[in-house]
Amino acid sequence: PKGASLKGGVNHSISLSVASLALAGLYYKNTGDRGFLENNSHFQETWKKILDELIASRKDENIWLIPTYFISDGPIHADYHTGSNVLVWFALKSFSRLSSEVYKNEQDAKYYADIAAKMKTSIYERTVVEGPFGKMFTEEINKDGTYKSFSDGEESDTVLMPFYGFCSYDEPAYLNYMKFG
């Protein structure tokens, strides 16, 4: 919500905005338990509203990345944060699966899966840069492609990319990013 000094909204910290959906996706992936989600179907509309608001917030129709202002409690100093976008990608994939398997809505399942695929392509095209060890993911990047590589301990979702299924643990750009960090 809006605060005294911050405007709030889903883009304030996109990783926090999609956290409950990401956790629900992980829960369902690991348990297959539909019961909780079926008994709390009101979550579906909340998650859909958040995702739609994030999708609509894109600054450039040709770039499938979502802007954010903070990573949890740390500010972003560029247009896009890699790990936060990976978590939105995972939330989209999760919502697509839940839409299909739990909520029986194939139209939503396809819509959000298609957007997740576009985001994954944009993340690879825009956040993989030439680093000191070769091609690597960078933590933050600007719309114009400029970036400043650093590691400040706020990159947990980038570190978790293989856990989310975004890439393999032996992905060279991921390993070089880990070596850099």
N, C-alpha and C. Protein backbone atom coordinates (compact mmCIF):
# COMPACT_ATOMS: atom_id res chain seq x y z
N PRO A 1 0.82 -1.21 0.00
CA PRO A 1 0.00 0.00 0.00
C PRO A 1 0.85 1.26 0.00
N LYS A 2 0.24 2.35 -0.41
CA LYS A 2 0.93 3.65 -0.43
C LYS A 2 1.33 4.03 1.00
N GLY A 3 2.54 4.55 1.13
CA GLY A 3 3.02 5.00 2.43
C GLY A 3 3.24 6.50 2.43
N ALA A 4 3.79 7.00 3.52
CA ALA A 4 4.03 8.43 3.65
C ALA A 4 5.10 8.91 2.67
N SER A 5 6.10 8.07 2.39
CA SER A 5 7.18 8.51 1.51
C SER A 5 7.30 7.66 0.24
N LEU A 6 6.55 6.58 0.12
CA LEU A 6 6.65 5.70 -1.05
C LEU A 6 5.27 5.53 -1.68
N LYS A 7 5.24 5.45 -3.01
CA LYS A 7 3.94 5.38 -3.68
C LYS A 7 3.29 4.00 -3.62
N GLY A 8 4.04 2.97 -3.26
CA GLY A 8 3.46 1.63 -3.13
C GLY A 8 3.09 1.03 -4.48
N GLY A 9 2.18 0.09 -4.48
CA GLY A 9 1.74 -0.59 -5.69
C GLY A 9 2.51 -1.88 -5.93
N VAL A 10 2.04 -2.66 -6.89
CA VAL A 10 2.65 -3.97 -7.14
C VAL A 10 4.09 -3.87 -7.63
N ASN A 11 4.46 -2.73 -8.22
CA ASN A 11 5.83 -2.58 -8.70
C ASN A 11 6.79 -2.10 -7.63
N HIS A 12 6.28 -1.76 -6.46
CA HIS A 12 7.18 -1.33 -5.38
C HIS A 12 8.26 -2.39 -5.17
N SER A 13 7.84 -3.62 -5.00
CA SER A 13 8.76 -4.76 -4.92
C SER A 13 8.04 -5.94 -5.57
N ILE A 14 8.32 -6.18 -6.85
CA ILE A 14 7.58 -7.22 -7.55
C ILE A 14 7.81 -8.60 -6.96
N SER A 15 8.97 -8.80 -6.35
CA SER A 15 9.21 -10.11 -5.72
C SER A 15 8.27 -10.31 -4.53
N LEU A 16 7.99 -9.26 -3.78
CA LEU A 16 7.04 -9.38 -2.68
C LEU A 16 5.61 -9.50 -3.20
N SER A 17 5.30 -8.83 -4.30
CA SER A 17 3.95 -8.88 -4.86
C SER A 17 3.57 -10.28 -5.33
N VAL A 18 4.53 -11.05 -5.82
CA VAL A 18 4.21 -12.39 -6.33
C VAL A 18 4.62 -13.51 -5.38
N ALA A 19 5.09 -13.16 -4.19
CA ALA A 19 5.61 -14.17 -3.26
C ALA A 19 4.57 -15.24 -2.92
N SER A 20 3.34 -14.85 -2.62
CA SER A 20 2.35 -15.86 -2.23
C SER A 20 2.03 -16.80 -3.38
N LEU A 21 2.00 -16.29 -4.61
CA LEU A 21 1.76 -17.15 -5.77
C LEU A 21 2.94 -18.09 -6.01
N ALA A 22 4.16 -17.57 -5.87
CA ALA A 22 5.34 -18.43 -6.03
C ALA A 22 5.34 -19.55 -4.98
N LEU A 23 5.01 -19.21 -3.76
CA LEU A 23 4.96 -20.22 -2.70
C LEU A 23 3.85 -21.23 -2.96
N ALA A 24 2.70 -20.77 -3.43
CA ALA A 24 1.60 -21.69 -3.76
C ALA A 24 2.02 -22.62 -4.90
N GLY A 25 2.74 -22.06 -5.89
CA GLY A 25 3.22 -22.88 -7.00
C GLY A 25 4.20 -23.94 -6.53
N LEU A 26 5.10 -23.56 -5.63
CA LEU A 26 6.05 -24.54 -5.08
C LEU A 26 5.33 -25.59 -4.24
N TYR A 27 4.37 -25.14 -3.45
CA TYR A 27 3.59 -26.07 -2.62
C TYR A 27 2.88 -27.09 -3.51
N TYR A 28 2.19 -26.61 -4.53
CA TYR A 28 1.45 -27.51 -5.40
C TYR A 28 2.41 -28.43 -6.18
N LYS A 29 3.51 -27.88 -6.66
CA LYS A 29 4.49 -28.67 -7.41
C LYS A 29 5.02 -29.83 -6.57
N ASN A 30 5.23 -29.57 -5.29
CA ASN A 30 5.83 -30.59 -4.42
C ASN A 30 4.84 -31.49 -3.71
N THR A 31 3.57 -31.10 -3.65
CA THR A 31 2.59 -31.94 -2.94
C THR A 31 1.46 -32.44 -3.83
N GLY A 32 1.15 -31.71 -4.89
CA GLY A 32 0.01 -32.05 -5.71
C GLY A 32 -1.33 -31.84 -5.00
N ASP A 33 -1.29 -31.18 -3.87
CA ASP A 33 -2.48 -30.97 -3.04
C ASP A 33 -3.35 -29.87 -3.63
N ARG A 34 -4.45 -30.28 -4.27
CA ARG A 34 -5.39 -29.32 -4.85
C ARG A 34 -6.34 -28.77 -3.79
N GLY A 35 -6.57 -29.52 -2.74
CA GLY A 35 -7.59 -29.20 -1.75
C GLY A 35 -7.48 -27.79 -1.19
N PHE A 36 -6.30 -27.42 -0.72
CA PHE A 36 -6.12 -26.10 -0.14
C PHE A 36 -6.45 -25.01 -1.15
N LEU A 37 -5.96 -25.18 -2.37
CA LEU A 37 -6.18 -24.17 -3.41
C LEU A 37 -7.64 -24.13 -3.85
N GLU A 38 -8.28 -25.28 -3.94
CA GLU A 38 -9.70 -25.32 -4.30
C GLU A 38 -10.55 -24.69 -3.19
N ASN A 39 -10.20 -24.95 -1.94
CA ASN A 39 -10.96 -24.41 -0.81
C ASN A 39 -10.71 -22.92 -0.60
N ASN A 40 -9.68 -22.39 -1.23
CA ASN A 40 -9.36 -20.96 -1.13
C ASN A 40 -9.27 -20.36 -2.53
N SER A 41 -10.28 -20.62 -3.32
CA SER A 41 -10.24 -20.21 -4.73
C SER A 41 -10.21 -18.70 -4.91
N HIS A 42 -10.51 -17.94 -3.85
CA HIS A 42 -10.42 -16.48 -3.94
C HIS A 42 -8.99 -16.01 -4.22
N PHE A 43 -8.00 -16.85 -3.90
CA PHE A 43 -6.61 -16.50 -4.22
C PHE A 43 -6.44 -16.30 -5.72
N GLN A 44 -7.16 -17.11 -6.50
CA GLN A 44 -7.03 -17.07 -7.96
C GLN A 44 -7.26 -15.67 -8.50
N GLU A 45 -8.30 -15.00 -8.08
CA GLU A 45 -8.59 -13.65 -8.59
C GLU A 45 -7.55 -12.63 -8.11
N THR A 46 -7.09 -12.78 -6.86
CA THR A 46 -6.06 -11.88 -6.35
C THR A 46 -4.78 -12.03 -7.16
N TRP A 47 -4.35 -13.27 -7.38
CA TRP A 47 -3.13 -13.51 -8.15
C TRP A 47 -3.27 -13.00 -9.58
N LYS A 48 -4.41 -13.24 -10.18
CA LYS A 48 -4.64 -12.80 -11.56
C LYS A 48 -4.57 -11.27 -11.63
N LYS A 49 -5.17 -10.60 -10.67
CA LYS A 49 -5.15 -9.13 -10.64
C LYS A 49 -3.71 -8.62 -10.52
N ILE A 50 -2.91 -9.22 -9.63
CA ILE A 50 -1.51 -8.81 -9.47
C ILE A 50 -0.72 -9.03 -10.76
N LEU A 51 -0.86 -10.22 -11.35
CA LEU A 51 -0.13 -10.51 -12.58
C LEU A 51 -0.54 -9.56 -13.70
N ASP A 52 -1.82 -9.32 -13.84
CA ASP A 52 -2.29 -8.43 -14.91
C ASP A 52 -1.77 -7.01 -14.71
N GLU A 53 -1.74 -6.56 -13.46
CA GLU A 53 -1.22 -5.23 -13.17
C GLU A 53 0.28 -5.15 -13.49
N LEU A 54 1.02 -6.20 -13.15
CA LEU A 54 2.45 -6.22 -13.47
C LEU A 54 2.68 -6.22 -14.97
N ILE A 55 1.93 -7.05 -15.69
CA ILE A 55 2.08 -7.13 -17.14
C ILE A 55 1.79 -5.76 -17.77
N ALA A 56 0.75 -5.10 -17.30
CA ALA A 56 0.37 -3.79 -17.83
C ALA A 56 1.40 -2.70 -17.49
N SER A 57 2.25 -2.94 -16.51
CA SER A 57 3.22 -1.92 -16.09
C SER A 57 4.49 -1.90 -16.93
N ARG A 58 4.61 -2.79 -17.89
CA ARG A 58 5.81 -2.80 -18.73
C ARG A 58 6.02 -1.43 -19.36
N LYS A 59 7.26 -0.99 -19.39
CA LYS A 59 7.59 0.35 -19.90
C LYS A 59 7.75 0.38 -21.42
N ASP A 60 7.95 -0.77 -22.02
CA ASP A 60 8.19 -0.85 -23.46
C ASP A 60 7.51 -2.10 -23.96
N GLU A 61 6.64 -1.96 -24.94
CA GLU A 61 5.89 -3.12 -25.43
C GLU A 61 6.77 -4.19 -26.06
N ASN A 62 8.00 -3.85 -26.41
CA ASN A 62 8.92 -4.82 -27.01
C ASN A 62 9.81 -5.52 -25.99
N ILE A 63 9.74 -5.10 -24.74
CA ILE A 63 10.57 -5.70 -23.69
C ILE A 63 9.64 -6.37 -22.68
N TRP A 64 9.78 -7.67 -22.55
CA TRP A 64 8.95 -8.43 -21.63
C TRP A 64 9.63 -8.56 -20.27
N LEU A 65 9.97 -7.41 -19.70
CA LEU A 65 10.50 -7.35 -18.34
C LEU A 65 9.65 -6.36 -17.56
N ILE A 66 9.53 -6.60 -16.26
CA ILE A 66 8.68 -5.80 -15.40
C ILE A 66 9.57 -4.89 -14.54
N PRO A 67 9.27 -3.59 -14.48
CA PRO A 67 10.06 -2.69 -13.64
C PRO A 67 9.72 -2.88 -12.16
N THR A 68 10.71 -2.67 -11.32
CA THR A 68 10.50 -2.71 -9.87
C THR A 68 11.37 -1.62 -9.25
N TYR A 69 11.04 -1.25 -8.04
CA TYR A 69 11.78 -0.18 -7.37
C TYR A 69 12.63 -0.69 -6.22
N PHE A 70 12.25 -1.84 -5.68
CA PHE A 70 12.98 -2.43 -4.55
C PHE A 70 13.07 -3.94 -4.74
N ILE A 71 14.12 -4.52 -4.14
CA ILE A 71 14.20 -5.95 -3.96
C ILE A 71 13.97 -6.12 -2.46
N SER A 72 12.79 -6.52 -2.11
CA SER A 72 12.45 -6.61 -0.70
C SER A 72 12.66 -5.24 -0.05
N ASP A 73 13.80 -5.02 0.60
CA ASP A 73 14.02 -3.74 1.26
C ASP A 73 15.17 -2.93 0.65
N GLY A 74 15.75 -3.40 -0.43
CA GLY A 74 16.86 -2.69 -1.05
C GLY A 74 16.45 -2.05 -2.36
N PRO A 75 16.88 -0.82 -2.62
CA PRO A 75 16.48 -0.13 -3.85
C PRO A 75 17.14 -0.70 -5.10
N ILE A 76 16.46 -0.54 -6.23
CA ILE A 76 16.98 -0.90 -7.55
C ILE A 76 17.53 0.37 -8.17
N HIS A 77 18.67 0.25 -8.84
CA HIS A 77 19.31 1.41 -9.44
C HIS A 77 19.31 1.34 -10.96
N ALA A 78 18.42 0.53 -11.52
CA ALA A 78 18.31 0.39 -12.97
C ALA A 78 16.84 0.16 -13.32
N ASP A 79 16.55 0.02 -14.58
CA ASP A 79 15.16 -0.18 -15.01
C ASP A 79 14.61 -1.55 -14.63
N TYR A 80 15.48 -2.57 -14.65
CA TYR A 80 15.00 -3.93 -14.41
C TYR A 80 15.92 -4.68 -13.48
N HIS A 81 15.34 -5.55 -12.67
CA HIS A 81 16.09 -6.42 -11.76
C HIS A 81 15.90 -7.86 -12.23
N THR A 82 17.00 -8.54 -12.50
CA THR A 82 16.94 -9.88 -13.07
C THR A 82 16.20 -10.87 -12.17
N GLY A 83 16.63 -11.00 -10.92
CA GLY A 83 16.02 -11.99 -10.04
C GLY A 83 14.54 -11.77 -9.82
N SER A 84 14.12 -10.52 -9.70
CA SER A 84 12.70 -10.23 -9.53
C SER A 84 11.91 -10.66 -10.75
N ASN A 85 12.48 -10.45 -11.94
CA ASN A 85 11.80 -10.88 -13.15
C ASN A 85 11.77 -12.39 -13.28
N VAL A 86 12.81 -13.06 -12.81
CA VAL A 86 12.79 -14.53 -12.79
C VAL A 86 11.67 -15.01 -11.87
N LEU A 87 11.48 -14.35 -10.74
CA LEU A 87 10.41 -14.76 -9.83
C LEU A 87 9.04 -14.48 -10.45
N VAL A 88 8.88 -13.38 -11.18
CA VAL A 88 7.62 -13.15 -11.89
C VAL A 88 7.42 -14.24 -12.93
N TRP A 89 8.48 -14.60 -13.66
CA TRP A 89 8.40 -15.71 -14.63
C TRP A 89 7.90 -16.96 -13.93
N PHE A 90 8.47 -17.29 -12.77
CA PHE A 90 8.05 -18.48 -12.04
C PHE A 90 6.59 -18.36 -11.58
N ALA A 91 6.20 -17.17 -11.14
CA ALA A 91 4.80 -16.96 -10.72
C ALA A 91 3.86 -17.16 -11.91
N LEU A 92 4.24 -16.66 -13.08
CA LEU A 92 3.42 -16.86 -14.28
C LEU A 92 3.31 -18.34 -14.63
N LYS A 93 4.44 -19.04 -14.59
CA LYS A 93 4.43 -20.49 -14.86
C LYS A 93 3.55 -21.21 -13.83
N SER A 94 3.68 -20.82 -12.57
CA SER A 94 2.88 -21.44 -11.51
C SER A 94 1.40 -21.16 -11.72
N PHE A 95 1.05 -19.91 -12.04
CA PHE A 95 -0.35 -19.57 -12.23
C PHE A 95 -0.92 -20.30 -13.45
N SER A 96 -0.12 -20.45 -14.48
CA SER A 96 -0.55 -21.20 -15.65
C SER A 96 -0.88 -22.65 -15.26
N ARG A 97 0.00 -23.26 -14.50
CA ARG A 97 -0.24 -24.65 -14.08
C ARG A 97 -1.45 -24.76 -13.16
N LEU A 98 -1.56 -23.84 -12.19
CA LEU A 98 -2.71 -23.86 -11.29
C LEU A 98 -4.00 -23.60 -12.07
N SER A 99 -3.96 -22.69 -13.05
CA SER A 99 -5.14 -22.42 -13.85
C SER A 99 -5.61 -23.67 -14.58
N SER A 100 -4.67 -24.43 -15.10
CA SER A 100 -5.00 -25.64 -15.83
C SER A 100 -5.43 -26.78 -14.91
N GLU A 101 -4.60 -27.10 -13.95
CA GLU A 101 -4.81 -28.32 -13.16
C GLU A 101 -5.75 -28.15 -11.97
N VAL A 102 -5.82 -26.98 -11.39
CA VAL A 102 -6.67 -26.77 -10.22
C VAL A 102 -7.96 -26.05 -10.59
N TYR A 103 -7.84 -24.93 -11.32
CA TYR A 103 -8.99 -24.09 -11.60
C TYR A 103 -9.68 -24.43 -12.92
N LYS A 104 -9.09 -25.35 -13.70
CA LYS A 104 -9.67 -25.84 -14.96
C LYS A 104 -9.99 -24.71 -15.94
N ASN A 105 -9.05 -23.77 -16.07
CA ASN A 105 -9.22 -22.64 -16.96
C ASN A 105 -8.08 -22.66 -17.98
N GLU A 106 -8.29 -23.36 -19.07
CA GLU A 106 -7.23 -23.52 -20.08
C GLU A 106 -6.90 -22.22 -20.80
N GLN A 107 -7.85 -21.33 -20.92
CA GLN A 107 -7.59 -20.04 -21.56
C GLN A 107 -6.57 -19.24 -20.75
N ASP A 108 -6.78 -19.14 -19.43
CA ASP A 108 -5.80 -18.45 -18.57
C ASP A 108 -4.47 -19.19 -18.57
N ALA A 109 -4.53 -20.52 -18.54
CA ALA A 109 -3.30 -21.31 -18.51
C ALA A 109 -2.43 -20.98 -19.73
N LYS A 110 -3.02 -20.94 -20.89
CA LYS A 110 -2.27 -20.64 -22.11
C LYS A 110 -1.78 -19.19 -22.12
N TYR A 111 -2.64 -18.26 -21.74
CA TYR A 111 -2.29 -16.85 -21.74
C TYR A 111 -1.06 -16.58 -20.87
N TYR A 112 -1.06 -17.08 -19.64
CA TYR A 112 0.05 -16.80 -18.72
C TYR A 112 1.30 -17.61 -19.08
N ALA A 113 1.13 -18.80 -19.65
CA ALA A 113 2.29 -19.57 -20.12
C ALA A 113 2.97 -18.86 -21.28
N ASP A 114 2.18 -18.28 -22.18
CA ASP A 114 2.75 -17.53 -23.31
C ASP A 114 3.54 -16.32 -22.83
N ILE A 115 3.01 -15.61 -21.85
CA ILE A 115 3.73 -14.44 -21.32
C ILE A 115 5.01 -14.89 -20.61
N ALA A 116 4.93 -15.99 -19.86
CA ALA A 116 6.13 -16.52 -19.20
C ALA A 116 7.22 -16.84 -20.23
N ALA A 117 6.83 -17.42 -21.35
CA ALA A 117 7.81 -17.74 -22.40
C ALA A 117 8.45 -16.47 -22.95
N LYS A 118 7.66 -15.42 -23.15
CA LYS A 118 8.21 -14.15 -23.64
C LYS A 118 9.17 -13.54 -22.61
N MET A 119 8.79 -13.65 -21.34
CA MET A 119 9.67 -13.11 -20.28
C MET A 119 10.99 -13.86 -20.24
N LYS A 120 10.93 -15.18 -20.35
CA LYS A 120 12.17 -15.96 -20.30
C LYS A 120 13.11 -15.54 -21.43
N THR A 121 12.54 -15.38 -22.62
CA THR A 121 13.35 -14.93 -23.76
C THR A 121 13.96 -13.56 -23.47
N SER A 122 13.17 -12.63 -22.96
CA SER A 122 13.69 -11.29 -22.65
C SER A 122 14.76 -11.32 -21.57
N ILE A 123 14.58 -12.16 -20.57
CA ILE A 123 15.59 -12.26 -19.50
C ILE A 123 16.92 -12.71 -20.09
N TYR A 124 16.88 -13.73 -20.95
CA TYR A 124 18.12 -14.19 -21.57
C TYR A 124 18.70 -13.14 -22.52
N GLU A 125 17.85 -12.51 -23.32
CA GLU A 125 18.34 -11.54 -24.31
C GLU A 125 18.87 -10.27 -23.65
N ARG A 126 18.30 -9.86 -22.55
CA ARG A 126 18.61 -8.55 -21.99
C ARG A 126 19.49 -8.57 -20.74
N THR A 127 19.52 -9.68 -20.00
CA THR A 127 20.27 -9.66 -18.74
C THR A 127 21.53 -10.52 -18.75
N VAL A 128 21.81 -11.16 -19.87
CA VAL A 128 23.08 -11.89 -20.00
C VAL A 128 24.07 -10.94 -20.67
N VAL A 129 25.17 -10.68 -19.97
CA VAL A 129 26.16 -9.71 -20.43
C VAL A 129 27.55 -10.36 -20.42
N GLU A 130 28.51 -9.67 -20.98
CA GLU A 130 29.89 -10.15 -20.94
C GLU A 130 30.49 -9.74 -19.60
N GLY A 131 30.89 -10.71 -18.78
CA GLY A 131 31.46 -10.43 -17.48
C GLY A 131 32.92 -10.86 -17.41
N PRO A 132 33.53 -10.79 -16.25
CA PRO A 132 34.94 -11.13 -16.11
C PRO A 132 35.26 -12.60 -16.36
N PHE A 133 34.24 -13.46 -16.30
CA PHE A 133 34.46 -14.90 -16.51
C PHE A 133 33.76 -15.39 -17.78
N GLY A 134 33.25 -14.47 -18.60
CA GLY A 134 32.48 -14.82 -19.80
C GLY A 134 31.04 -14.37 -19.64
N LYS A 135 30.17 -14.88 -20.50
CA LYS A 135 28.76 -14.51 -20.44
C LYS A 135 28.19 -14.86 -19.07
N MET A 136 27.45 -13.89 -18.50
CA MET A 136 26.85 -14.09 -17.17
C MET A 136 25.58 -13.25 -17.05
N PHE A 137 24.71 -13.66 -16.15
CA PHE A 137 23.57 -12.82 -15.82
C PHE A 137 24.08 -11.62 -15.03
N THR A 138 23.45 -10.49 -15.23
CA THR A 138 23.75 -9.32 -14.41
C THR A 138 22.55 -9.06 -13.52
N GLU A 139 22.76 -8.47 -12.39
CA GLU A 139 21.69 -8.29 -11.42
C GLU A 139 20.67 -7.24 -11.85
N GLU A 140 21.13 -6.14 -12.39
CA GLU A 140 20.24 -5.05 -12.81
C GLU A 140 20.68 -4.59 -14.19
N ILE A 141 19.70 -4.16 -14.98
CA ILE A 141 20.02 -3.66 -16.32
C ILE A 141 19.04 -2.57 -16.71
N ASN A 142 19.52 -1.63 -17.48
CA ASN A 142 18.67 -0.55 -17.98
C ASN A 142 18.08 -0.92 -19.34
N LYS A 143 17.01 -0.24 -19.67
CA LYS A 143 16.31 -0.45 -20.93
C LYS A 143 17.27 -0.32 -22.12
N ASP A 144 18.25 0.59 -22.01
CA ASP A 144 19.19 0.82 -23.11
C ASP A 144 20.36 -0.18 -23.12
N GLY A 145 20.34 -1.15 -22.21
CA GLY A 145 21.38 -2.19 -22.18
C GLY A 145 22.56 -1.88 -21.27
N THR A 146 22.61 -0.68 -20.72
CA THR A 146 23.70 -0.37 -19.80
C THR A 146 23.46 -1.06 -18.46
N TYR A 147 24.54 -1.38 -17.79
CA TYR A 147 24.44 -2.06 -16.50
C TYR A 147 25.70 -1.81 -15.70
N LYS A 148 25.60 -2.10 -14.45
CA LYS A 148 26.76 -2.06 -13.57
C LYS A 148 26.72 -3.35 -12.77
N SER A 149 27.67 -4.23 -12.99
CA SER A 149 27.69 -5.51 -12.27
C SER A 149 28.18 -5.32 -10.85
N PHE A 150 27.46 -5.90 -9.94
CA PHE A 150 27.84 -5.86 -8.53
C PHE A 150 27.16 -7.03 -7.83
N SER A 151 27.57 -7.28 -6.62
CA SER A 151 26.93 -8.30 -5.80
C SER A 151 26.80 -7.73 -4.40
N ASP A 152 25.55 -7.55 -3.97
CA ASP A 152 25.33 -6.93 -2.66
C ASP A 152 24.54 -7.82 -1.70
N GLY A 153 24.36 -9.07 -2.02
CA GLY A 153 23.63 -9.97 -1.14
C GLY A 153 22.13 -9.89 -1.30
N GLU A 154 21.63 -9.10 -2.23
CA GLU A 154 20.19 -8.95 -2.45
C GLU A 154 19.73 -9.72 -3.69
N GLU A 155 20.50 -10.70 -4.12
CA GLU A 155 20.16 -11.36 -5.36
C GLU A 155 19.66 -12.79 -5.18
N SER A 156 18.90 -13.05 -4.14
CA SER A 156 18.48 -14.41 -3.83
C SER A 156 17.69 -15.06 -4.95
N ASP A 157 16.81 -14.34 -5.63
CA ASP A 157 16.03 -14.97 -6.69
C ASP A 157 16.87 -15.28 -7.91
N THR A 158 17.93 -14.52 -8.14
CA THR A 158 18.84 -14.86 -9.23
C THR A 158 19.61 -16.12 -8.87
N VAL A 159 20.03 -16.24 -7.64
CA VAL A 159 20.73 -17.43 -7.18
C VAL A 159 19.82 -18.66 -7.29
N LEU A 160 18.52 -18.48 -7.09
CA LEU A 160 17.56 -19.58 -7.09
C LEU A 160 17.03 -19.93 -8.49
N MET A 161 17.56 -19.34 -9.54
CA MET A 161 17.06 -19.61 -10.90
C MET A 161 16.93 -21.10 -11.22
N PRO A 162 17.93 -21.92 -10.93
CA PRO A 162 17.78 -23.35 -11.23
C PRO A 162 16.70 -24.02 -10.36
N PHE A 163 16.58 -23.60 -9.13
CA PHE A 163 15.55 -24.14 -8.23
C PHE A 163 14.16 -23.87 -8.79
N TYR A 164 13.96 -22.69 -9.36
CA TYR A 164 12.67 -22.34 -9.96
C TYR A 164 12.45 -23.03 -11.31
N GLY A 165 13.50 -23.63 -11.86
CA GLY A 165 13.39 -24.28 -13.17
C GLY A 165 13.66 -23.35 -14.33
N PHE A 166 14.20 -22.18 -14.05
CA PHE A 166 14.49 -21.21 -15.11
C PHE A 166 15.66 -21.67 -15.98
N CYS A 167 16.67 -22.23 -15.36
CA CYS A 167 17.84 -22.73 -16.08
C CYS A 167 18.40 -23.92 -15.30
N SER A 168 19.36 -24.59 -15.90
CA SER A 168 20.00 -25.72 -15.21
C SER A 168 21.10 -25.19 -14.29
N TYR A 169 21.48 -26.02 -13.35
CA TYR A 169 22.55 -25.64 -12.42
C TYR A 169 23.90 -25.49 -13.13
N ASP A 170 24.04 -26.11 -14.31
CA ASP A 170 25.31 -25.99 -15.03
C ASP A 170 25.24 -25.02 -16.21
N GLU A 171 24.19 -24.19 -16.24
CA GLU A 171 24.07 -23.12 -17.25
C GLU A 171 25.29 -22.21 -17.14
N PRO A 172 26.10 -22.06 -18.21
CA PRO A 172 27.31 -21.24 -18.12
C PRO A 172 27.07 -19.80 -17.63
N ALA A 173 26.03 -19.14 -18.11
CA ALA A 173 25.77 -17.75 -17.67
C ALA A 173 25.43 -17.72 -16.19
N TYR A 174 24.80 -18.76 -15.70
CA TYR A 174 24.48 -18.84 -14.26
C TYR A 174 25.76 -19.12 -13.45
N LEU A 175 26.55 -20.08 -13.90
CA LEU A 175 27.79 -20.41 -13.18
C LEU A 175 28.74 -19.21 -13.15
N ASN A 176 28.85 -18.48 -14.26
CA ASN A 176 29.72 -17.30 -14.27
C ASN A 176 29.18 -16.20 -13.36
N TYR A 177 27.86 -16.09 -13.29
CA TYR A 177 27.25 -15.13 -12.35
C TYR A 177 27.57 -15.53 -10.90
N MET A 178 27.47 -16.81 -10.61
CA MET A 178 27.76 -17.31 -9.26
C MET A 178 29.24 -17.07 -8.92
N LYS A 179 30.10 -17.32 -9.88
CA LYS A 179 31.53 -17.10 -9.66
C LYS A 179 31.79 -15.61 -9.40
N PHE A 180 31.13 -14.75 -10.16
CA PHE A 180 31.27 -13.31 -9.98
C PHE A 180 30.80 -12.89 -8.57
N GLY A 181 29.65 -13.42 -8.16
CA GLY A 181 29.09 -13.08 -6.84
C GLY A 181 29.96 -13.56 -5.72
